[in-house]
């Protein structure tokens, strides 16, 4: 009986490990650029970030390169941590 519980536990751990591995392989690709959105009516963009920036905030959406450039040149602030303006070669 004890041996059966051990085998059951091992099988459950192997299944969990396989699920985690499958999840990591099928994770969606990280976007190249993200825009942080403000609070309120229309949720205006407040800051542009590189896709993997840790300071991206919770209210955000992925944007293509053209839109990230357009937002930065229209006055939306660039993140001071990941510096998307430097990576997009935008000079002020």
PDB file of N, CA and C in Angstrom:
ATOM      1  N   UNK A   1       0.823  -1.179   0.000  1.00  0.00           N
ATOM      2  CA  UNK A   1       0.000   0.000   0.000  1.00  0.00           C
ATOM      3  C   UNK A   1       0.880   1.261   0.000  1.00  0.00           C
ATOM      4  N   UNK A   2       1.896   1.252   0.803  1.00  0.00           N
ATOM      5  CA  UNK A   2       2.798   2.391   0.870  1.00  0.00           C
ATOM      6  C   UNK A   2       3.524   2.565  -0.461  1.00  0.00           C
ATOM      7  N   UNK A   3       3.948   1.467  -1.055  1.00  0.00           N
ATOM      8  CA  UNK A   3       4.645   1.505  -2.340  1.00  0.00           C
ATOM      9  C   UNK A   3       3.728   2.073  -3.436  1.00  0.00           C
ATOM     10  N   UNK A   4       2.459   1.715  -3.385  1.00  0.00           N
ATOM     11  CA  UNK A   4       1.489   2.233  -4.360  1.00  0.00           C
ATOM     12  C   UNK A   4       1.357   3.751  -4.241  1.00  0.00           C
ATOM     13  N   UNK A   5       1.323   4.280  -3.025  1.00  0.00           N
ATOM     14  CA  UNK A   5       1.249   5.740  -2.825  1.00  0.00           C
ATOM     15  C   UNK A   5       2.489   6.426  -3.369  1.00  0.00           C
ATOM     16  N   UNK A   6       3.638   5.819  -3.186  1.00  0.00           N
ATOM     17  CA  UNK A   6       4.890   6.393  -3.703  1.00  0.00           C
ATOM     18  C   UNK A   6       4.846   6.444  -5.224  1.00  0.00           C
ATOM     19  N   UNK A   7       4.408   5.355  -5.857  1.00  0.00           N
ATOM     20  CA  UNK A   7       4.313   5.324  -7.319  1.00  0.00           C
ATOM     21  C   UNK A   7       3.306   6.352  -7.838  1.00  0.00           C
ATOM     22  N   UNK A   8       2.194   6.495  -7.131  1.00  0.00           N
ATOM     23  CA  UNK A   8       1.187   7.475  -7.519  1.00  0.00           C
ATOM     24  C   UNK A   8       1.747   8.891  -7.418  1.00  0.00           C
ATOM     25  N   UNK A   9       2.477   9.156  -6.350  1.00  0.00           N
ATOM     26  CA  UNK A   9       3.077  10.483  -6.159  1.00  0.00           C
ATOM     27  C   UNK A   9       4.114  10.765  -7.236  1.00  0.00           C
ATOM     28  N   UNK A  10       4.940   9.783  -7.573  1.00  0.00           N
ATOM     29  CA  UNK A  10       5.959   9.946  -8.628  1.00  0.00           C
ATOM     30  C   UNK A  10       5.276  10.224  -9.961  1.00  0.00           C
ATOM     31  N   UNK A  11       4.222   9.488 -10.278  1.00  0.00           N
ATOM     32  CA  UNK A  11       3.496   9.695 -11.535  1.00  0.00           C
ATOM     33  C   UNK A  11       2.899  11.105 -11.592  1.00  0.00           C
ATOM     34  N   UNK A  12       2.350  11.565 -10.489  1.00  0.00           N
ATOM     35  CA  UNK A  12       1.763  12.916 -10.446  1.00  0.00           C
ATOM     36  C   UNK A  12       2.837  13.975 -10.639  1.00  0.00           C
ATOM     37  N   UNK A  13       3.991  13.795 -10.023  1.00  0.00           N
ATOM     38  CA  UNK A  13       5.085  14.759 -10.177  1.00  0.00           C
ATOM     39  C   UNK A  13       5.611  14.765 -11.604  1.00  0.00           C
ATOM     40  N   UNK A  14       5.718  13.608 -12.227  1.00  0.00           N
ATOM     41  CA  UNK A  14       6.180  13.537 -13.615  1.00  0.00           C
ATOM     42  C   UNK A  14       5.181  14.203 -14.553  1.00  0.00           C
ATOM     43  N   UNK A  15       3.909  14.015 -14.290  1.00  0.00           N
ATOM     44  CA  UNK A  15       2.884  14.653 -15.120  1.00  0.00           C
ATOM     45  C   UNK A  15       2.929  16.171 -14.970  1.00  0.00           C
ATOM     46  N   UNK A  16       3.088  16.654 -13.749  1.00  0.00           N
ATOM     47  CA  UNK A  16       3.179  18.101 -13.507  1.00  0.00           C
ATOM     48  C   UNK A  16       4.404  18.693 -14.209  1.00  0.00           C
ATOM     49  N   UNK A  17       5.521  17.986 -14.138  1.00  0.00           N
ATOM     50  CA  UNK A  17       6.744  18.434 -14.788  1.00  0.00           C
ATOM     51  C   UNK A  17       6.568  18.490 -16.304  1.00  0.00           C
ATOM     52  N   UNK A  18       5.898  17.496 -16.877  1.00  0.00           N
ATOM     53  CA  UNK A  18       5.642  17.480 -18.318  1.00  0.00           C
ATOM     54  C   UNK A  18       4.733  18.634 -18.721  1.00  0.00           C
ATOM     55  N   UNK A  19       3.735  18.949 -17.901  1.00  0.00           N
ATOM     56  CA  UNK A  19       2.839  20.070 -18.192  1.00  0.00           C
ATOM     57  C   UNK A  19       3.588  21.399 -18.152  1.00  0.00           C
ATOM     58  N   UNK A  20       4.468  21.566 -17.186  1.00  0.00           N
ATOM     59  CA  UNK A  20       5.246  22.796 -17.095  1.00  0.00           C
ATOM     60  C   UNK A  20       6.159  22.946 -18.304  1.00  0.00           C
ATOM     61  N   UNK A  21       6.785  21.861 -18.716  1.00  0.00           N
ATOM     62  CA  UNK A  21       7.666  21.880 -19.880  1.00  0.00           C
ATOM     63  C   UNK A  21       6.869  22.242 -21.133  1.00  0.00           C
ATOM     64  N   UNK A  22       5.691  21.649 -21.278  1.00  0.00           N
ATOM     65  CA  UNK A  22       4.835  21.934 -22.428  1.00  0.00           C
ATOM     66  C   UNK A  22       4.420  23.412 -22.431  1.00  0.00           C
ATOM     67  N   UNK A  23       4.091  23.946 -21.258  1.00  0.00           N
ATOM     68  CA  UNK A  23       3.705  25.346 -21.152  1.00  0.00           C
ATOM     69  C   UNK A  23       4.833  26.293 -21.520  1.00  0.00           C
ATOM     70  N   UNK A  24       6.046  25.962 -21.132  1.00  0.00           N
ATOM     71  CA  UNK A  24       7.188  26.811 -21.462  1.00  0.00           C
ATOM     72  C   UNK A  24       7.487  26.791 -22.954  1.00  0.00           C
ATOM     73  N   UNK A  25       7.318  25.643 -23.587  1.00  0.00           N
ATOM     74  CA  UNK A  25       7.574  25.535 -25.022  1.00  0.00           C
ATOM     75  C   UNK A  25       6.526  26.274 -25.835  1.00  0.00           C
ATOM     76  N   UNK A  26       5.285  26.294 -25.363  1.00  0.00           N
ATOM     77  CA  UNK A  26       4.183  26.894 -26.116  1.00  0.00           C
ATOM     78  C   UNK A  26       3.822  28.297 -25.650  1.00  0.00           C
ATOM     79  N   UNK A  27       4.674  28.918 -24.851  1.00  0.00           N
ATOM     80  CA  UNK A  27       4.426  30.277 -24.373  1.00  0.00           C
ATOM     81  C   UNK A  27       4.476  31.241 -25.561  1.00  0.00           C
ATOM     82  N   UNK A  28       3.537  32.191 -25.646  1.00  0.00           N
ATOM     83  CA  UNK A  28       3.572  33.138 -26.752  1.00  0.00           C
ATOM     84  C   UNK A  28       4.841  33.983 -26.707  1.00  0.00           C
ATOM     85  N   UNK A  29       5.305  34.352 -27.887  1.00  0.00           N
ATOM     86  CA  UNK A  29       6.527  35.146 -27.983  1.00  0.00           C
ATOM     87  C   UNK A  29       6.297  36.542 -27.398  1.00  0.00           C
ATOM     88  N   UNK A  30       7.298  37.050 -26.729  1.00  0.00           N
ATOM     89  CA  UNK A  30       7.219  38.373 -26.107  1.00  0.00           C
ATOM     90  C   UNK A  30       7.215  39.442 -27.202  1.00  0.00           C
ATOM     91  N   UNK A  31       6.354  40.467 -27.080  1.00  0.00           N
ATOM     92  CA  UNK A  31       6.326  41.516 -28.107  1.00  0.00           C
ATOM     93  C   UNK A  31       7.608  42.342 -28.067  1.00  0.00           C
ATOM     94  N   UNK A  32       7.940  42.941 -29.198  1.00  0.00           N
ATOM     95  CA  UNK A  32       9.143  43.777 -29.263  1.00  0.00           C
ATOM     96  C   UNK A  32       8.947  45.111 -28.548  1.00  0.00           C
ATOM     97  N   UNK A  33       7.737  45.654 -28.634  1.00  0.00           N
ATOM     98  CA  UNK A  33       7.451  46.970 -28.047  1.00  0.00           C
ATOM     99  C   UNK A  33       6.116  46.915 -27.342  1.00  0.00           C
ATOM    100  N   UNK A  34       6.017  47.596 -26.204  1.00  0.00           N
ATOM    101  CA  UNK A  34       4.744  47.692 -25.494  1.00  0.00           C
ATOM    102  C   UNK A  34       4.500  49.145 -25.114  1.00  0.00           C
ATOM    103  N   UNK A  35       3.233  49.481 -24.996  1.00  0.00           N
ATOM    104  CA  UNK A  35       2.862  50.822 -24.550  1.00  0.00           C
ATOM    105  C   UNK A  35       2.065  50.657 -23.264  1.00  0.00           C
ATOM    106  N   UNK A  36       2.456  51.426 -22.266  1.00  0.00           N
ATOM    107  CA  UNK A  36       1.741  51.430 -20.988  1.00  0.00           C
ATOM    108  C   UNK A  36       0.577  52.392 -21.123  1.00  0.00           C
ATOM    109  N   UNK A  37      -0.586  51.963 -20.645  1.00  0.00           N
ATOM    110  CA  UNK A  37      -1.802  52.753 -20.791  1.00  0.00           C
ATOM    111  C   UNK A  37      -2.176  53.435 -19.488  1.00  0.00           C
ATOM    112  N   UNK A  38      -2.756  54.613 -19.606  1.00  0.00           N
ATOM    113  CA  UNK A  38      -3.180  55.364 -18.434  1.00  0.00           C
ATOM    114  C   UNK A  38      -4.536  54.911 -17.922  1.00  0.00           C
ATOM    115  N   UNK A  39      -5.014  55.612 -16.924  1.00  0.00           N
ATOM    116  CA  UNK A  39      -6.307  55.318 -16.317  1.00  0.00           C
ATOM    117  C   UNK A  39      -7.299  56.346 -16.828  1.00  0.00           C
ATOM    118  N   UNK A  40      -8.539  55.934 -16.967  1.00  0.00           N
ATOM    119  CA  UNK A  40      -9.571  56.898 -17.318  1.00  0.00           C
ATOM    120  C   UNK A  40     -10.117  56.689 -18.704  1.00  0.00           C
ATOM    121  N   UNK A  41     -10.863  57.681 -19.137  1.00  0.00           N
ATOM    122  CA  UNK A  41     -11.565  57.608 -20.416  1.00  0.00           C
ATOM    123  C   UNK A  41     -10.579  57.457 -21.571  1.00  0.00           C
ATOM    124  N   UNK A  42     -10.750  56.422 -22.335  1.00  0.00           N
ATOM    125  CA  UNK A  42      -9.914  56.201 -23.498  1.00  0.00           C
ATOM    126  C   UNK A  42      -8.566  55.571 -23.197  1.00  0.00           C
ATOM    127  N   UNK A  43      -8.197  55.486 -21.920  1.00  0.00           N
ATOM    128  CA  UNK A  43      -6.904  54.934 -21.500  1.00  0.00           C
ATOM    129  C   UNK A  43      -5.764  55.396 -22.415  1.00  0.00           C
ATOM    130  N   UNK A  44      -5.391  56.655 -22.307  1.00  0.00           N
ATOM    131  CA  UNK A  44      -4.350  57.189 -23.192  1.00  0.00           C
ATOM    132  C   UNK A  44      -2.989  56.556 -22.915  1.00  0.00           C
ATOM    133  N   UNK A  45      -2.139  56.435 -23.940  1.00  0.00           N
ATOM    134  CA  UNK A  45      -0.801  55.880 -23.721  1.00  0.00           C
ATOM    135  C   UNK A  45       0.037  56.831 -22.873  1.00  0.00           C
ATOM    136  N   UNK A  46       0.785  56.276 -21.917  1.00  0.00           N
ATOM    137  CA  UNK A  46       1.591  57.118 -21.040  1.00  0.00           C
ATOM    138  C   UNK A  46       3.090  56.904 -21.222  1.00  0.00           C
ATOM    139  N   UNK A  47       3.492  55.687 -21.602  1.00  0.00           N
ATOM    140  CA  UNK A  47       4.916  55.403 -21.691  1.00  0.00           C
ATOM    141  C   UNK A  47       5.152  54.239 -22.653  1.00  0.00           C
ATOM    142  N   UNK A  48       6.241  54.326 -23.425  1.00  0.00           N
ATOM    143  CA  UNK A  48       6.613  53.265 -24.351  1.00  0.00           C
ATOM    144  C   UNK A  48       7.773  52.488 -23.749  1.00  0.00           C
ATOM    145  N   UNK A  49       7.724  51.145 -23.887  1.00  0.00           N
ATOM    146  CA  UNK A  49       8.746  50.265 -23.326  1.00  0.00           C
ATOM    147  C   UNK A  49       9.212  49.261 -24.378  1.00  0.00           C
ATOM    148  N   UNK A  50      10.411  48.728 -24.174  1.00  0.00           N
ATOM    149  CA  UNK A  50      10.866  47.570 -24.934  1.00  0.00           C
ATOM    150  C   UNK A  50      10.107  46.373 -24.390  1.00  0.00           C
ATOM    151  N   UNK A  51       9.852  45.371 -25.201  1.00  0.00           N
ATOM    152  CA  UNK A  51       9.006  44.242 -24.828  1.00  0.00           C
ATOM    153  C   UNK A  51       9.309  43.577 -23.508  1.00  0.00           C
ATOM    154  N   UNK A  52      10.541  43.382 -23.138  1.00  0.00           N
ATOM    155  CA  UNK A  52      10.865  42.668 -21.912  1.00  0.00           C
ATOM    156  C   UNK A  52      11.106  43.559 -20.704  1.00  0.00           C
ATOM    157  N   UNK A  53      10.736  44.807 -20.763  1.00  0.00           N
ATOM    158  CA  UNK A  53      11.015  45.742 -19.667  1.00  0.00           C
ATOM    159  C   UNK A  53      10.236  45.367 -18.408  1.00  0.00           C
ATOM    160  N   UNK A  54      10.931  45.339 -17.286  1.00  0.00           N
ATOM    161  CA  UNK A  54      10.303  44.987 -16.011  1.00  0.00           C
ATOM    162  C   UNK A  54       9.441  46.125 -15.475  1.00  0.00           C
ATOM    163  N   UNK A  55       9.615  47.326 -15.977  1.00  0.00           N
ATOM    164  CA  UNK A  55       8.872  48.482 -15.476  1.00  0.00           C
ATOM    165  C   UNK A  55       7.623  48.757 -16.308  1.00  0.00           C
ATOM    166  N   UNK A  56       7.191  47.794 -17.099  1.00  0.00           N
ATOM    167  CA  UNK A  56       6.081  47.982 -18.030  1.00  0.00           C
ATOM    168  C   UNK A  56       4.723  48.229 -17.406  1.00  0.00           C
ATOM    169  N   UNK A  57       4.507  47.874 -16.187  1.00  0.00           N
ATOM    170  CA  UNK A  57       3.203  48.088 -15.563  1.00  0.00           C
ATOM    171  C   UNK A  57       2.203  47.026 -15.967  1.00  0.00           C
ATOM    172  N   UNK A  58       1.013  47.101 -15.395  1.00  0.00           N
ATOM    173  CA  UNK A  58      -0.013  46.092 -15.660  1.00  0.00           C
ATOM    174  C   UNK A  58      -0.928  46.463 -16.818  1.00  0.00           C
ATOM    175  N   UNK A  59      -1.183  47.740 -17.004  1.00  0.00           N
ATOM    176  CA  UNK A  59      -2.061  48.185 -18.097  1.00  0.00           C
ATOM    177  C   UNK A  59      -1.184  48.468 -19.311  1.00  0.00           C
ATOM    178  N   UNK A  60      -1.078  47.490 -20.182  1.00  0.00           N
ATOM    179  CA  UNK A  60      -0.217  47.656 -21.349  1.00  0.00           C
ATOM    180  C   UNK A  60      -0.748  46.834 -22.509  1.00  0.00           C
ATOM    181  N   UNK A  61      -0.243  47.153 -23.687  1.00  0.00           N
ATOM    182  CA  UNK A  61      -0.595  46.382 -24.872  1.00  0.00           C
ATOM    183  C   UNK A  61       0.596  46.384 -25.823  1.00  0.00           C
ATOM    184  N   UNK A  62       0.743  45.327 -26.592  1.00  0.00           N
ATOM    185  CA  UNK A  62       1.845  45.274 -27.557  1.00  0.00           C
ATOM    186  C   UNK A  62       1.566  46.210 -28.725  1.00  0.00           C
ATOM    187  N   UNK A  63       2.615  46.796 -29.266  1.00  0.00           N
ATOM    188  CA  UNK A  63       2.487  47.662 -30.437  1.00  0.00           C
ATOM    189  C   UNK A  63       3.588  47.314 -31.433  1.00  0.00           C
ATOM    190  N   UNK A  64       3.318  47.523 -32.717  1.00  0.00           N
ATOM    191  CA  UNK A  64       4.379  47.305 -33.708  1.00  0.00           C
ATOM    192  C   UNK A  64       5.410  48.428 -33.657  1.00  0.00           C
ATOM    193  N   UNK A  65       6.526  48.222 -34.302  1.00  0.00           N
ATOM    194  CA  UNK A  65       7.632  49.185 -34.312  1.00  0.00           C
ATOM    195  C   UNK A  65       7.178  50.570 -34.798  1.00  0.00           C
ATOM    196  N   UNK A  66       6.380  50.609 -35.883  1.00  0.00           N
ATOM    197  CA  UNK A  66       5.938  51.903 -36.444  1.00  0.00           C
ATOM    198  C   UNK A  66       5.152  52.704 -35.412  1.00  0.00           C
ATOM    199  N   UNK A  67       4.244  52.019 -34.709  1.00  0.00           N
ATOM    200  CA  UNK A  67       3.428  52.730 -33.731  1.00  0.00           C
ATOM    201  C   UNK A  67       4.261  53.189 -32.542  1.00  0.00           C
ATOM    202  N   UNK A  68       5.229  52.386 -32.128  1.00  0.00           N
ATOM    203  CA  UNK A  68       6.109  52.802 -31.033  1.00  0.00           C
ATOM    204  C   UNK A  68       6.874  54.062 -31.426  1.00  0.00           C
ATOM    205  N   UNK A  69       7.372  54.104 -32.644  1.00  0.00           N
ATOM    206  CA  UNK A  69       8.075  55.308 -33.126  1.00  0.00           C
ATOM    207  C   UNK A  69       7.132  56.504 -33.183  1.00  0.00           C
ATOM    208  N   UNK A  70       5.917  56.271 -33.699  1.00  0.00           N
ATOM    209  CA  UNK A  70       4.943  57.362 -33.814  1.00  0.00           C
ATOM    210  C   UNK A  70       4.571  57.916 -32.444  1.00  0.00           C
ATOM    211  N   UNK A  71       4.355  57.023 -31.477  1.00  0.00           N
ATOM    212  CA  UNK A  71       4.004  57.469 -30.129  1.00  0.00           C
ATOM    213  C   UNK A  71       5.134  58.281 -29.502  1.00  0.00           C
ATOM    214  N   UNK A  72       6.367  57.817 -29.672  1.00  0.00           N
ATOM    215  CA  UNK A  72       7.501  58.542 -29.088  1.00  0.00           C
ATOM    216  C   UNK A  72       7.675  59.913 -29.727  1.00  0.00           C
ATOM    217  N   UNK A  73       7.508  59.999 -31.038  1.00  0.00           N
ATOM    218  CA  UNK A  73       7.675  61.298 -31.696  1.00  0.00           C
ATOM    219  C   UNK A  73       6.501  62.233 -31.445  1.00  0.00           C
ATOM    220  N   UNK A  74       5.346  61.676 -31.031  1.00  0.00           N
ATOM    221  CA  UNK A  74       4.195  62.532 -30.748  1.00  0.00           C
ATOM    222  C   UNK A  74       4.183  63.027 -29.304  1.00  0.00           C
ATOM    223  N   UNK A  75       5.187  62.631 -28.501  1.00  0.00           N
ATOM    224  CA  UNK A  75       5.282  63.175 -27.159  1.00  0.00           C
ATOM    225  C   UNK A  75       5.047  62.201 -26.022  1.00  0.00           C
ATOM    226  N   UNK A  76       4.748  60.956 -26.327  1.00  0.00           N
ATOM    227  CA  UNK A  76       4.591  59.965 -25.266  1.00  0.00           C
ATOM    228  C   UNK A  76       5.970  59.682 -24.684  1.00  0.00           C
ATOM    229  N   UNK A  77       6.044  59.603 -23.381  1.00  0.00           N
ATOM    230  CA  UNK A  77       7.309  59.444 -22.675  1.00  0.00           C
ATOM    231  C   UNK A  77       7.941  58.079 -22.953  1.00  0.00           C
ATOM    232  N   UNK A  78       9.272  58.067 -23.053  1.00  0.00           N
ATOM    233  CA  UNK A  78      10.029  56.819 -23.199  1.00  0.00           C
ATOM    234  C   UNK A  78      10.460  56.346 -21.816  1.00  0.00           C
ATOM    235  N   UNK A  79      10.440  55.055 -21.601  1.00  0.00           N
ATOM    236  CA  UNK A  79      10.856  54.486 -20.317  1.00  0.00           C
ATOM    237  C   UNK A  79      12.326  54.821 -20.070  1.00  0.00           C
ATOM    238  N   UNK A  80      12.632  55.231 -18.857  1.00  0.00           N
ATOM    239  CA  UNK A  80      14.012  55.584 -18.529  1.00  0.00           C
ATOM    240  C   UNK A  80      14.860  54.361 -18.211  1.00  0.00           C
ATOM    241  N   UNK A  81      14.217  53.194 -18.034  1.00  0.00           N
ATOM    242  CA  UNK A  81      14.963  51.977 -17.710  1.00  0.00           C
ATOM    243  C   UNK A  81      15.407  51.234 -18.964  1.00  0.00           C
ATOM    244  N   UNK A  82      14.484  51.034 -19.903  1.00  0.00           N
ATOM    245  CA  UNK A  82      14.817  50.242 -21.092  1.00  0.00           C
ATOM    246  C   UNK A  82      15.186  51.109 -22.296  1.00  0.00           C
ATOM    247  N   UNK A  83      14.911  52.404 -22.254  1.00  0.00           N
ATOM    248  CA  UNK A  83      15.271  53.379 -23.271  1.00  0.00           C
ATOM    249  C   UNK A  83      14.876  52.954 -24.699  1.00  0.00           C
ATOM    250  N   UNK A  84      13.563  52.853 -24.965  1.00  0.00           N
ATOM    251  CA  UNK A  84      13.135  52.458 -26.308  1.00  0.00           C
ATOM    252  C   UNK A  84      13.474  53.503 -27.365  1.00  0.00           C
ATOM    253  N   UNK A  85      13.564  54.774 -26.967  1.00  0.00           N
ATOM    254  CA  UNK A  85      13.913  55.812 -27.925  1.00  0.00           C
ATOM    255  C   UNK A  85      15.322  55.609 -28.477  1.00  0.00           C
ATOM    256  N   UNK A  86      16.251  55.159 -27.651  1.00  0.00           N
ATOM    257  CA  UNK A  86      17.611  54.891 -28.111  1.00  0.00           C
ATOM    258  C   UNK A  86      17.630  53.677 -29.031  1.00  0.00           C
ATOM    259  N   UNK A  87      16.863  52.659 -28.706  1.00  0.00           N
ATOM    260  CA  UNK A  87      16.830  51.464 -29.543  1.00  0.00           C
ATOM    261  C   UNK A  87      16.133  51.704 -30.875  1.00  0.00           C
ATOM    262  N   UNK A  88      15.202  52.643 -30.883  1.00  0.00           N
ATOM    263  CA  UNK A  88      14.520  53.010 -32.124  1.00  0.00           C
ATOM    264  C   UNK A  88      15.251  54.133 -32.868  1.00  0.00           C
ATOM    265  N   UNK A  89      16.358  54.592 -32.280  1.00  0.00           N
ATOM    266  CA  UNK A  89      17.194  55.667 -32.856  1.00  0.00           C
ATOM    267  C   UNK A  89      16.407  56.946 -33.090  1.00  0.00           C
ATOM    268  N   UNK A  90      15.669  57.351 -32.049  1.00  0.00           N
ATOM    269  CA  UNK A  90      14.926  58.606 -32.098  1.00  0.00           C
ATOM    270  C   UNK A  90      15.671  59.626 -31.276  1.00  0.00           C
ATOM    271  N   UNK A  91      16.012  60.739 -31.886  1.00  0.00           N
ATOM    272  CA  UNK A  91      16.733  61.809 -31.202  1.00  0.00           C
ATOM    273  C   UNK A  91      15.758  62.952 -30.922  1.00  0.00           C
ATOM    274  N   UNK A  92      15.891  63.537 -29.743  1.00  0.00           N
ATOM    275  CA  UNK A  92      15.019  64.658 -29.389  1.00  0.00           C
ATOM    276  C   UNK A  92      15.749  65.953 -29.542  1.00  0.00           C
TER     277      UNK A  92
END
